[in-house]
Amino acid sequence: MNYKVNLLPPRLQVEGLVDKRRLLILVSTLLGGGGLVLGYGAFLLNFLLTKSELARTQQELSRLRPQVQAVEAIHTERVRLEKALKEYADIVHARRSWHSILKGIGDVCPADISLTVLEVVPAEKTQAGKASSKAELPPPASVVNIQGVSQSFTAIGVFERKLWESGYFQEVRLEKVSTDKSGLYAFTMQARLKEGMAK
């Protein structure tokens, strides 16, 4: 076994002068500083990548802006057309088919009577005497004004009764009867359609 002998004075001795505490502080300072520098580098790299991605996104957005405006215009047009289609469907749903009603009136009309006027009007117009504004849909026609002439007064009564019995009307009212110069009876009737009739 060999022993090492150091004959130098303690101030010149190199061996054993390494202080562990000092070494630990130095290493931890270097590691902390290195970690801080690496963290800042990662942050800076992330910042630069995000900045370039934001620039690309803004460029893409400016490129897509005309297409987005075109799509919004198409959507607005679609909403307008759907609204118009709904209004049209409401009008078609509320319309009446007058063929069967007019045929029914013709079937019950006696041979002595000649009809001169058939006018179909909304019930509100007959009550209020004025039509609704152009902006709203007109109310559905539900009153038939009938004018005609007859050779006999009883034929007018028979016609009124047969209109009641036809099943189309909820109310039939004889408004006026007068005699003209030739001896014919001129009459005016008002017949109100039943609810839901001839839709």
Protein backbone atom coordinates (compact mmCIF):
# COMPACT_ATOMS: atom_id res chain seq x y z
CA MET A 1 0.00 0.00 0.00
CA ASN A 2 1.22 3.37 -0.90
CA TYR A 3 0.45 6.53 0.88
CA LYS A 4 0.47 9.87 -0.70
CA VAL A 5 2.27 12.47 1.21
CA ASN A 6 1.91 16.13 0.37
CA LEU A 7 4.61 18.23 1.85
CA LEU A 8 3.40 21.55 0.51
CA PRO A 9 2.02 24.09 2.88
CA PRO A 10 -1.80 24.00 3.17
CA ARG A 11 -2.28 27.19 1.17
CA LEU A 12 -0.59 25.60 -1.84
CA GLN A 13 -2.25 22.27 -1.62
CA VAL A 14 -4.75 21.65 -4.43
CA GLU A 15 -6.17 18.44 -3.22
CA GLY A 16 -9.08 18.67 -0.84
CA LEU A 17 -9.76 22.34 -1.53
CA VAL A 18 -12.97 21.64 -3.47
CA ASP A 19 -15.84 22.77 -1.32
CA LYS A 20 -18.95 20.66 -1.90
CA ARG A 21 -21.35 23.38 -0.78
CA ARG A 22 -19.79 25.86 -3.14
CA LEU A 23 -19.88 23.35 -5.95
CA LEU A 24 -23.56 22.67 -5.29
CA ILE A 25 -24.42 26.39 -5.41
CA LEU A 26 -22.45 26.81 -8.63
CA VAL A 27 -24.12 23.84 -10.33
CA SER A 28 -27.60 24.90 -9.22
CA THR A 29 -27.00 28.46 -10.43
CA LEU A 30 -25.79 27.20 -13.79
CA LEU A 31 -28.75 24.82 -14.13
CA GLY A 32 -31.25 27.53 -13.11
CA GLY A 33 -29.73 30.06 -15.51
CA GLY A 34 -29.62 27.48 -18.28
CA GLY A 35 -33.25 26.52 -17.63
CA LEU A 36 -34.24 30.19 -17.67
CA VAL A 37 -32.41 30.74 -20.97
CA LEU A 38 -33.99 27.59 -22.46
CA GLY A 39 -37.47 28.64 -21.23
CA TYR A 40 -37.06 32.11 -22.71
CA GLY A 41 -35.89 30.57 -25.98
CA ALA A 42 -38.92 28.26 -26.05
CA PHE A 43 -41.23 31.21 -25.26
CA LEU A 44 -39.63 33.31 -27.99
CA LEU A 45 -39.91 30.45 -30.50
CA ASN A 46 -43.56 29.88 -29.57
CA PHE A 47 -44.25 33.63 -29.85
CA LEU A 48 -42.70 33.80 -33.32
CA LEU A 49 -44.60 30.70 -34.50
CA THR A 50 -47.89 32.11 -33.17
CA LYS A 51 -47.20 35.46 -34.84
CA SER A 52 -46.57 33.80 -38.21
CA GLU A 53 -49.68 31.63 -37.79
CA LEU A 54 -51.75 34.73 -36.98
CA ALA A 55 -50.42 36.45 -40.10
CA ARG A 56 -51.35 33.40 -42.21
CA THR A 57 -54.81 33.27 -40.62
CA GLN A 58 -55.43 36.97 -41.31
CA GLN A 59 -54.29 36.51 -44.90
CA GLU A 60 -56.64 33.51 -45.26
CA LEU A 61 -59.47 35.52 -43.69
CA SER A 62 -58.99 38.39 -46.11
CA ARG A 63 -58.95 35.89 -48.98
CA LEU A 64 -62.19 34.24 -47.76
CA ARG A 65 -64.05 37.48 -46.91
CA PRO A 66 -65.69 37.87 -50.39
CA GLN A 67 -66.85 34.25 -50.27
CA VAL A 68 -68.30 34.76 -46.78
CA GLN A 69 -70.15 37.87 -47.98
CA ALA A 70 -71.52 35.90 -50.94
CA VAL A 71 -72.70 33.12 -48.62
CA GLU A 72 -74.36 35.68 -46.32
CA ALA A 73 -76.11 37.24 -49.33
CA ILE A 74 -77.31 33.79 -50.42
CA HIS A 75 -78.56 33.10 -46.88
CA THR A 76 -80.44 36.43 -46.79
CA GLU A 77 -82.00 35.67 -50.17
CA ARG A 78 -82.96 32.19 -48.98
CA VAL A 79 -84.67 33.60 -45.87
CA ARG A 80 -86.56 36.11 -48.05
CA LEU A 81 -87.65 33.39 -50.49
CA GLU A 82 -88.72 31.05 -47.66
CA LYS A 83 -90.85 33.86 -46.22
CA ALA A 84 -92.43 34.51 -49.64
CA LEU A 85 -93.02 30.77 -50.09
CA LYS A 86 -94.73 30.57 -46.69
CA GLU A 87 -96.97 33.53 -47.58
CA TYR A 88 -97.81 31.88 -50.91
CA ALA A 89 -98.59 28.57 -49.16
CA ASP A 90 -100.86 30.42 -46.71
CA ILE A 91 -102.69 32.07 -49.61
CA VAL A 92 -103.08 28.76 -51.46
CA HIS A 93 -104.27 27.05 -48.27
CA ALA A 94 -106.87 29.77 -47.62
CA ARG A 95 -108.25 29.92 -51.17
CA ARG A 96 -111.69 28.67 -52.05
CA SER A 97 -112.92 26.64 -54.97
CA TRP A 98 -116.12 28.30 -56.13
CA HIS A 99 -117.08 25.86 -58.87
CA SER A 100 -119.14 23.54 -56.65
CA ILE A 101 -120.86 26.45 -54.85
CA LEU A 102 -121.83 28.19 -58.09
CA LYS A 103 -123.04 24.89 -59.53
CA GLY A 104 -125.09 24.36 -56.36
CA ILE A 105 -126.67 27.82 -56.71
CA GLY A 106 -127.47 27.08 -60.36
CA ASP A 107 -129.01 23.70 -59.45
CA VAL A 108 -131.43 25.18 -56.88
CA CYS A 109 -132.40 28.21 -58.97
CA PRO A 110 -136.02 27.87 -60.22
CA ALA A 111 -136.76 28.28 -63.93
CA ASP A 112 -138.76 31.49 -63.27
CA ILE A 113 -135.68 33.29 -61.89
CA SER A 114 -132.90 34.91 -63.92
CA LEU A 115 -129.81 35.77 -61.91
CA THR A 116 -128.25 39.08 -62.92
CA VAL A 117 -125.45 39.57 -60.36
CA LEU A 118 -123.42 37.17 -58.22
CA GLU A 119 -120.88 39.02 -56.08
CA VAL A 120 -118.57 37.32 -53.61
CA VAL A 121 -117.23 39.57 -50.84
CA PRO A 122 -115.58 39.15 -47.44
CA ALA A 123 -117.90 39.34 -44.45
CA GLU A 124 -115.91 42.27 -43.02
CA LYS A 125 -116.51 44.33 -46.15
CA THR A 126 -120.24 43.88 -45.90
CA GLN A 127 -120.21 44.89 -42.21
CA ALA A 128 -117.62 47.69 -42.20
CA GLY A 129 -118.15 48.89 -45.75
CA LYS A 130 -114.44 49.25 -46.51
CA ALA A 131 -111.65 47.00 -47.70
CA SER A 132 -108.49 46.27 -45.73
CA SER A 133 -105.13 47.85 -46.58
CA LYS A 134 -102.94 46.54 -49.40
CA ALA A 135 -100.18 45.39 -47.03
CA GLU A 136 -102.30 42.69 -45.38
CA LEU A 137 -103.87 39.68 -46.99
CA PRO A 138 -107.51 40.30 -47.80
CA PRO A 139 -109.91 38.32 -45.63
CA PRO A 140 -111.39 35.27 -47.34
CA ALA A 141 -114.64 35.86 -49.19
CA SER A 142 -117.54 34.35 -47.29
CA VAL A 143 -120.67 36.24 -48.42
CA VAL A 144 -122.43 35.85 -51.76
CA ASN A 145 -124.62 38.77 -52.85
CA ILE A 146 -127.24 37.54 -55.32
CA GLN A 147 -129.36 39.79 -57.53
CA GLY A 148 -131.91 38.65 -60.04
CA VAL A 149 -135.39 39.01 -61.50
CA SER A 150 -138.35 36.67 -61.27
CA GLN A 151 -141.75 36.34 -62.87
CA SER A 152 -143.39 35.33 -59.58
CA PHE A 153 -142.90 36.30 -55.96
CA THR A 154 -143.23 32.68 -54.80
CA ALA A 155 -140.27 31.62 -56.95
CA ILE A 156 -138.10 34.01 -54.94
CA GLY A 157 -139.23 32.32 -51.69
CA VAL A 158 -138.63 28.86 -53.16
CA PHE A 159 -135.14 29.94 -54.27
CA GLU A 160 -134.34 31.27 -50.79
CA ARG A 161 -135.51 28.03 -49.13
CA LYS A 162 -133.53 25.87 -51.56
CA LEU A 163 -130.41 27.92 -50.90
CA TRP A 164 -130.86 27.14 -47.18
CA GLU A 165 -131.32 23.46 -47.93
CA SER A 166 -128.31 23.27 -50.27
CA GLY A 167 -125.94 22.93 -47.29
CA TYR A 168 -123.52 25.60 -48.50
CA PHE A 169 -124.85 28.53 -46.49
CA GLN A 170 -125.31 29.18 -42.78
CA GLU A 171 -127.54 32.20 -43.37
CA VAL A 172 -129.64 33.32 -46.35
CA ARG A 173 -131.33 36.70 -46.09
CA LEU A 174 -133.69 38.36 -48.58
CA GLU A 175 -132.57 41.99 -48.58
CA LYS A 176 -134.96 43.68 -51.02
CA VAL A 177 -137.73 42.92 -53.51
CA SER A 178 -139.13 45.49 -55.93
CA THR A 179 -141.29 45.46 -59.05
CA ASP A 180 -140.06 47.01 -62.28
CA LYS A 181 -142.09 48.52 -65.16
CA SER A 182 -142.52 45.21 -66.96
CA GLY A 183 -144.03 43.51 -63.89
CA LEU A 184 -140.96 41.44 -62.99
CA TYR A 185 -139.79 41.18 -59.39
CA ALA A 186 -136.21 42.36 -58.88
CA PHE A 187 -134.63 40.97 -55.70
CA THR A 188 -131.42 41.11 -53.73
CA MET A 189 -130.28 38.32 -51.38
CA GLN A 190 -127.26 37.87 -49.17
CA ALA A 191 -126.03 34.36 -48.36
CA ARG A 192 -123.25 33.70 -45.82
CA LEU A 193 -121.13 30.59 -46.45
CA LYS A 194 -120.70 27.96 -43.76
CA GLU A 195 -117.31 27.89 -42.03
CA GLY A 196 -114.75 25.81 -43.95
CA MET A 197 -116.98 25.50 -47.02
CA ALA A 198 -115.36 25.02 -50.44
CA LYS A 199 -111.74 25.29 -49.43
